[in-house]
Amino acid sequence: MAKIEIKGSPEELERVATFLANNNIKFDVVNDYGNHSLEDLDKYADLINKFSATVPEK
């Protein structure tokens, strides 16, 4: 399996994840365990929760 890594702000990640979900492309949003601000950590956690529920079954 190959991977694409998206680097950027939570807002950029959400744009990409929304595009993928709208086009029925299977993907996972995973924690990168990076050094992020507390505000960004909350945003990333929200994205993981939002898109883990909408990802089509593999």
Protein backbone atom coordinates (compact mmCIF):
# COMPACT_ATOMS: atom_id res chain seq x y z
CA MET A 1 0.00 0.00 0.00
CA ALA A 2 1.21 3.52 -0.73
CA LYS A 3 0.59 6.61 1.38
CA ILE A 4 0.23 10.31 0.75
CA GLU A 5 1.22 12.57 3.62
CA ILE A 6 -0.46 15.97 3.81
CA LYS A 7 1.47 18.58 5.75
CA GLY A 8 -0.15 21.79 6.82
CA SER A 9 -2.68 23.38 9.09
CA PRO A 10 -5.83 21.66 10.33
CA GLU A 11 -7.79 23.81 7.87
CA GLU A 12 -5.75 22.54 4.91
CA LEU A 13 -6.13 18.96 6.10
CA GLU A 14 -9.89 19.42 6.40
CA ARG A 15 -10.09 20.75 2.82
CA VAL A 16 -8.26 17.69 1.50
CA ALA A 17 -10.25 15.26 3.66
CA THR A 18 -13.54 16.84 2.55
CA PHE A 19 -12.51 16.52 -1.09
CA LEU A 20 -11.60 12.86 -0.63
CA ALA A 21 -14.83 12.07 1.23
CA ASN A 22 -16.95 13.87 -1.39
CA ASN A 23 -15.30 11.80 -4.11
CA ASN A 24 -15.73 8.46 -2.29
CA ILE A 25 -11.98 7.97 -1.93
CA LYS A 26 -10.99 5.73 0.98
CA PHE A 27 -8.66 7.37 3.48
CA ASP A 28 -7.76 7.56 7.15
CA VAL A 29 -6.96 10.64 9.18
CA VAL A 30 -4.42 9.53 11.78
CA ASN A 31 -2.58 11.19 14.62
CA ASP A 32 0.97 12.14 13.63
CA TYR A 33 2.03 12.70 17.26
CA GLY A 34 3.71 15.92 16.17
CA ASN A 35 4.53 18.96 18.24
CA HIS A 36 1.39 21.07 17.78
CA SER A 37 -0.22 23.87 19.76
CA LEU A 38 -3.05 22.91 22.12
CA GLU A 39 -5.50 24.66 19.81
CA ASP A 40 -4.28 22.70 16.77
CA LEU A 41 -4.32 19.44 18.74
CA ASP A 42 -8.03 19.97 19.40
CA LYS A 43 -8.66 20.75 15.73
CA TYR A 44 -6.77 17.64 14.59
CA ALA A 45 -8.68 15.50 17.11
CA ASP A 46 -11.96 16.91 15.75
CA LEU A 47 -10.90 16.03 12.20
CA ILE A 48 -9.96 12.49 13.19
CA ASN A 49 -13.36 12.03 14.85
CA LYS A 50 -15.27 13.68 12.00
CA PHE A 51 -13.70 11.72 9.18
CA SER A 52 -13.25 8.37 10.88
CA ALA A 53 -17.04 8.10 10.98
CA THR A 54 -17.46 8.98 7.28
CA VAL A 55 -14.74 6.85 5.70
CA PRO A 56 -16.22 4.11 3.50
CA GLU A 57 -15.55 0.54 4.61
CA LYS A 58 -12.36 -0.99 3.26
